[in-house]
Amino acid sequence: MEKLGKIRRLYYRDGLTVSEIVRRTGLARNTVKSWLKAAEGVVPKYRRRPAEDIKITPFAERLTKALEVDVRRPKRDRVMPIAPRNPSLPSSGDLTNLTNPPLEA
């Protein structure tokens, strides 16, 4: 609310342009313009986009739980979930029991 009053004061009372207000406040140009368009005394609210169904949604709960468990482990024991590039690597992402593969001649 404080910034809204400052923006309105700079624009209406001090006669500054939108670009000058953007430079002084660090806010986005569209934000300043929308706040100036809003009716006086009304605090503009951000509209949240509706949650979309994305590919990861079915796994979100499981991933969140795995990350919460992993965060409590010491850094050296955390699992690095990378996709295996070598067929000899395990597919689970657990790289703790790997030995060096033999060098090819």
C-alpha atoms as a PDB file:
ATOM      1  CA  MET A   1       0.000   0.000   0.000  1.00  0.00           C
ATOM      2  CA  GLU A   2       2.891   2.319   0.755  1.00  0.00           C
ATOM      3  CA  LYS A   3       4.393   1.879  -2.719  1.00  0.00           C
ATOM      4  CA  LEU A   4       1.019   2.445  -4.325  1.00  0.00           C
ATOM      5  CA  GLY A   5       0.714   5.827  -2.592  1.00  0.00           C
ATOM      6  CA  LYS A   6       4.264   6.746  -3.565  1.00  0.00           C
ATOM      7  CA  ILE A   7       3.634   5.883  -7.225  1.00  0.00           C
ATOM      8  CA  ARG A   8       0.406   7.885  -7.332  1.00  0.00           C
ATOM      9  CA  ARG A   9       2.098  10.839  -5.641  1.00  0.00           C
ATOM     10  CA  LEU A  10       5.024  10.780  -8.080  1.00  0.00           C
ATOM     11  CA  TYR A  11       2.703  10.630 -11.078  1.00  0.00           C
ATOM     12  CA  TYR A  12      -0.180  12.953 -10.147  1.00  0.00           C
ATOM     13  CA  ARG A  13       1.425  15.472  -7.794  1.00  0.00           C
ATOM     14  CA  ASP A  14       5.040  15.579  -8.989  1.00  0.00           C
ATOM     15  CA  GLY A  15       4.142  15.084 -12.668  1.00  0.00           C
ATOM     16  CA  LEU A  16       6.748  12.384 -13.347  1.00  0.00           C
ATOM     17  CA  THR A  17       6.423  10.073 -16.323  1.00  0.00           C
ATOM     18  CA  VAL A  18       5.871   6.338 -15.986  1.00  0.00           C
ATOM     19  CA  SER A  19       9.427   5.662 -17.176  1.00  0.00           C
ATOM     20  CA  GLU A  20      10.893   7.968 -14.538  1.00  0.00           C
ATOM     21  CA  ILE A  21       8.795   6.295 -11.824  1.00  0.00           C
ATOM     22  CA  VAL A  22      10.049   2.897 -13.047  1.00  0.00           C
ATOM     23  CA  ARG A  23      13.647   4.114 -12.798  1.00  0.00           C
ATOM     24  CA  ARG A  24      13.162   5.472  -9.284  1.00  0.00           C
ATOM     25  CA  THR A  25      11.166   2.604  -7.800  1.00  0.00           C
ATOM     26  CA  GLY A  26      12.605  -0.410  -9.629  1.00  0.00           C
ATOM     27  CA  LEU A  27       9.132  -1.757 -10.374  1.00  0.00           C
ATOM     28  CA  ALA A  28       8.104  -3.083 -13.774  1.00  0.00           C
ATOM     29  CA  ARG A  29       6.552  -0.661 -16.255  1.00  0.00           C
ATOM     30  CA  ASN A  30       3.368  -2.744 -16.532  1.00  0.00           C
ATOM     31  CA  THR A  31       3.008  -2.825 -12.739  1.00  0.00           C
ATOM     32  CA  VAL A  32       3.231   0.958 -12.487  1.00  0.00           C
ATOM     33  CA  LYS A  33       0.736   1.402 -15.325  1.00  0.00           C
ATOM     34  CA  SER A  34      -1.771  -1.032 -13.841  1.00  0.00           C
ATOM     35  CA  TRP A  35      -1.487   0.552 -10.378  1.00  0.00           C
ATOM     36  CA  LEU A  36      -2.141   3.988 -11.869  1.00  0.00           C
ATOM     37  CA  LYS A  37      -5.215   2.662 -13.735  1.00  0.00           C
ATOM     38  CA  ALA A  38      -6.711   1.152 -10.565  1.00  0.00           C
ATOM     39  CA  ALA A  39      -9.447   3.118  -8.821  1.00  0.00           C
ATOM     40  CA  GLU A  40      -8.361   5.322  -5.925  1.00  0.00           C
ATOM     41  CA  GLY A  41      -8.342   3.515  -2.585  1.00  0.00           C
ATOM     42  CA  VAL A  42      -8.323   0.082  -4.244  1.00  0.00           C
ATOM     43  CA  VAL A  43      -5.251  -2.055  -3.677  1.00  0.00           C
ATOM     44  CA  PRO A  44      -4.460  -3.984  -6.872  1.00  0.00           C
ATOM     45  CA  LYS A  45      -4.261  -7.730  -6.363  1.00  0.00           C
ATOM     46  CA  TYR A  46      -2.376 -10.240  -8.417  1.00  0.00           C
ATOM     47  CA  ARG A  47      -4.498 -12.837 -10.144  1.00  0.00           C
ATOM     48  CA  ARG A  48      -3.118 -16.317  -9.699  1.00  0.00           C
ATOM     49  CA  ARG A  49      -3.256 -18.506 -12.761  1.00  0.00           C
ATOM     50  CA  PRO A  50      -5.265 -21.689 -12.387  1.00  0.00           C
ATOM     51  CA  ALA A  51      -3.099 -24.712 -11.710  1.00  0.00           C
ATOM     52  CA  GLU A  52      -2.520 -26.613 -14.912  1.00  0.00           C
ATOM     53  CA  ASP A  53      -2.169 -30.329 -15.176  1.00  0.00           C
ATOM     54  CA  ILE A  54       1.453 -30.917 -16.101  1.00  0.00           C
ATOM     55  CA  LYS A  55       3.376 -34.126 -16.675  1.00  0.00           C
ATOM     56  CA  ILE A  56       5.000 -34.063 -13.242  1.00  0.00           C
ATOM     57  CA  THR A  57       1.713 -33.640 -11.322  1.00  0.00           C
ATOM     58  CA  PRO A  58       1.115 -37.376 -10.685  1.00  0.00           C
ATOM     59  CA  PHE A  59       4.594 -37.650  -9.133  1.00  0.00           C
ATOM     60  CA  ALA A  60       4.621 -34.353  -7.201  1.00  0.00           C
ATOM     61  CA  GLU A  61       3.781 -35.817  -3.791  1.00  0.00           C
ATOM     62  CA  ARG A  62       6.349 -38.604  -4.123  1.00  0.00           C
ATOM     63  CA  LEU A  63       9.050 -36.175  -5.307  1.00  0.00           C
ATOM     64  CA  THR A  64       8.352 -33.743  -2.479  1.00  0.00           C
ATOM     65  CA  LYS A  65       8.608 -36.519   0.083  1.00  0.00           C
ATOM     66  CA  ALA A  66      11.897 -37.762  -1.429  1.00  0.00           C
ATOM     67  CA  LEU A  67      13.360 -34.251  -1.367  1.00  0.00           C
ATOM     68  CA  GLU A  68      12.322 -33.733   2.254  1.00  0.00           C
ATOM     69  CA  VAL A  69      14.009 -36.987   3.265  1.00  0.00           C
ATOM     70  CA  ASP A  70      17.110 -36.205   1.214  1.00  0.00           C
ATOM     71  CA  VAL A  71      17.527 -32.759   2.768  1.00  0.00           C
ATOM     72  CA  ARG A  72      18.036 -34.291   6.216  1.00  0.00           C
ATOM     73  CA  ARG A  73      20.958 -36.403   5.031  1.00  0.00           C
ATOM     74  CA  PRO A  74      24.541 -35.108   5.100  1.00  0.00           C
ATOM     75  CA  LYS A  75      25.649 -33.700   1.740  1.00  0.00           C
ATOM     76  CA  ARG A  76      28.051 -36.558   1.067  1.00  0.00           C
ATOM     77  CA  ASP A  77      25.233 -39.114   1.448  1.00  0.00           C
ATOM     78  CA  ARG A  78      22.662 -37.395  -0.747  1.00  0.00           C
ATOM     79  CA  VAL A  79      21.565 -39.185  -3.874  1.00  0.00           C
ATOM     80  CA  MET A  80      22.337 -37.528  -7.181  1.00  0.00           C
ATOM     81  CA  PRO A  81      19.334 -38.366  -9.384  1.00  0.00           C
ATOM     82  CA  ILE A  82      20.941 -38.366 -12.801  1.00  0.00           C
ATOM     83  CA  ALA A  83      19.936 -40.360 -15.805  1.00  0.00           C
ATOM     84  CA  PRO A  84      22.401 -43.182 -16.407  1.00  0.00           C
ATOM     85  CA  ARG A  85      24.362 -42.792 -19.627  1.00  0.00           C
ATOM     86  CA  ASN A  86      26.209 -46.057 -19.236  1.00  0.00           C
ATOM     87  CA  PRO A  87      24.216 -49.325 -19.242  1.00  0.00           C
ATOM     88  CA  SER A  88      26.392 -50.619 -16.383  1.00  0.00           C
ATOM     89  CA  LEU A  89      25.048 -47.856 -14.097  1.00  0.00           C
ATOM     90  CA  PRO A  90      22.039 -48.664 -11.946  1.00  0.00           C
ATOM     91  CA  SER A  91      18.765 -47.199 -13.158  1.00  0.00           C
ATOM     92  CA  SER A  92      17.616 -46.156  -9.663  1.00  0.00           C
ATOM     93  CA  GLY A  93      20.026 -43.211  -9.536  1.00  0.00           C
ATOM     94  CA  ASP A  94      21.818 -44.595  -6.465  1.00  0.00           C
ATOM     95  CA  LEU A  95      25.503 -44.205  -7.247  1.00  0.00           C
ATOM     96  CA  THR A  96      26.904 -45.149  -3.827  1.00  0.00           C
ATOM     97  CA  ASN A  97      28.001 -48.722  -4.651  1.00  0.00           C
ATOM     98  CA  LEU A  98      29.684 -48.095  -7.987  1.00  0.00           C
ATOM     99  CA  THR A  99      33.139 -49.285  -8.808  1.00  0.00           C
ATOM    100  CA  ASN A 100      35.274 -47.866 -11.567  1.00  0.00           C
ATOM    101  CA  PRO A 101      34.479 -49.572 -14.858  1.00  0.00           C
ATOM    102  CA  PRO A 102      37.416 -51.330 -16.529  1.00  0.00           C
ATOM    103  CA  LEU A 103      39.352 -49.212 -18.996  1.00  0.00           C
ATOM    104  CA  GLU A 104      39.064 -50.256 -22.597  1.00  0.00           C
ATOM    105  CA  ALA A 105      42.331 -50.759 -24.487  1.00  0.00           C
END
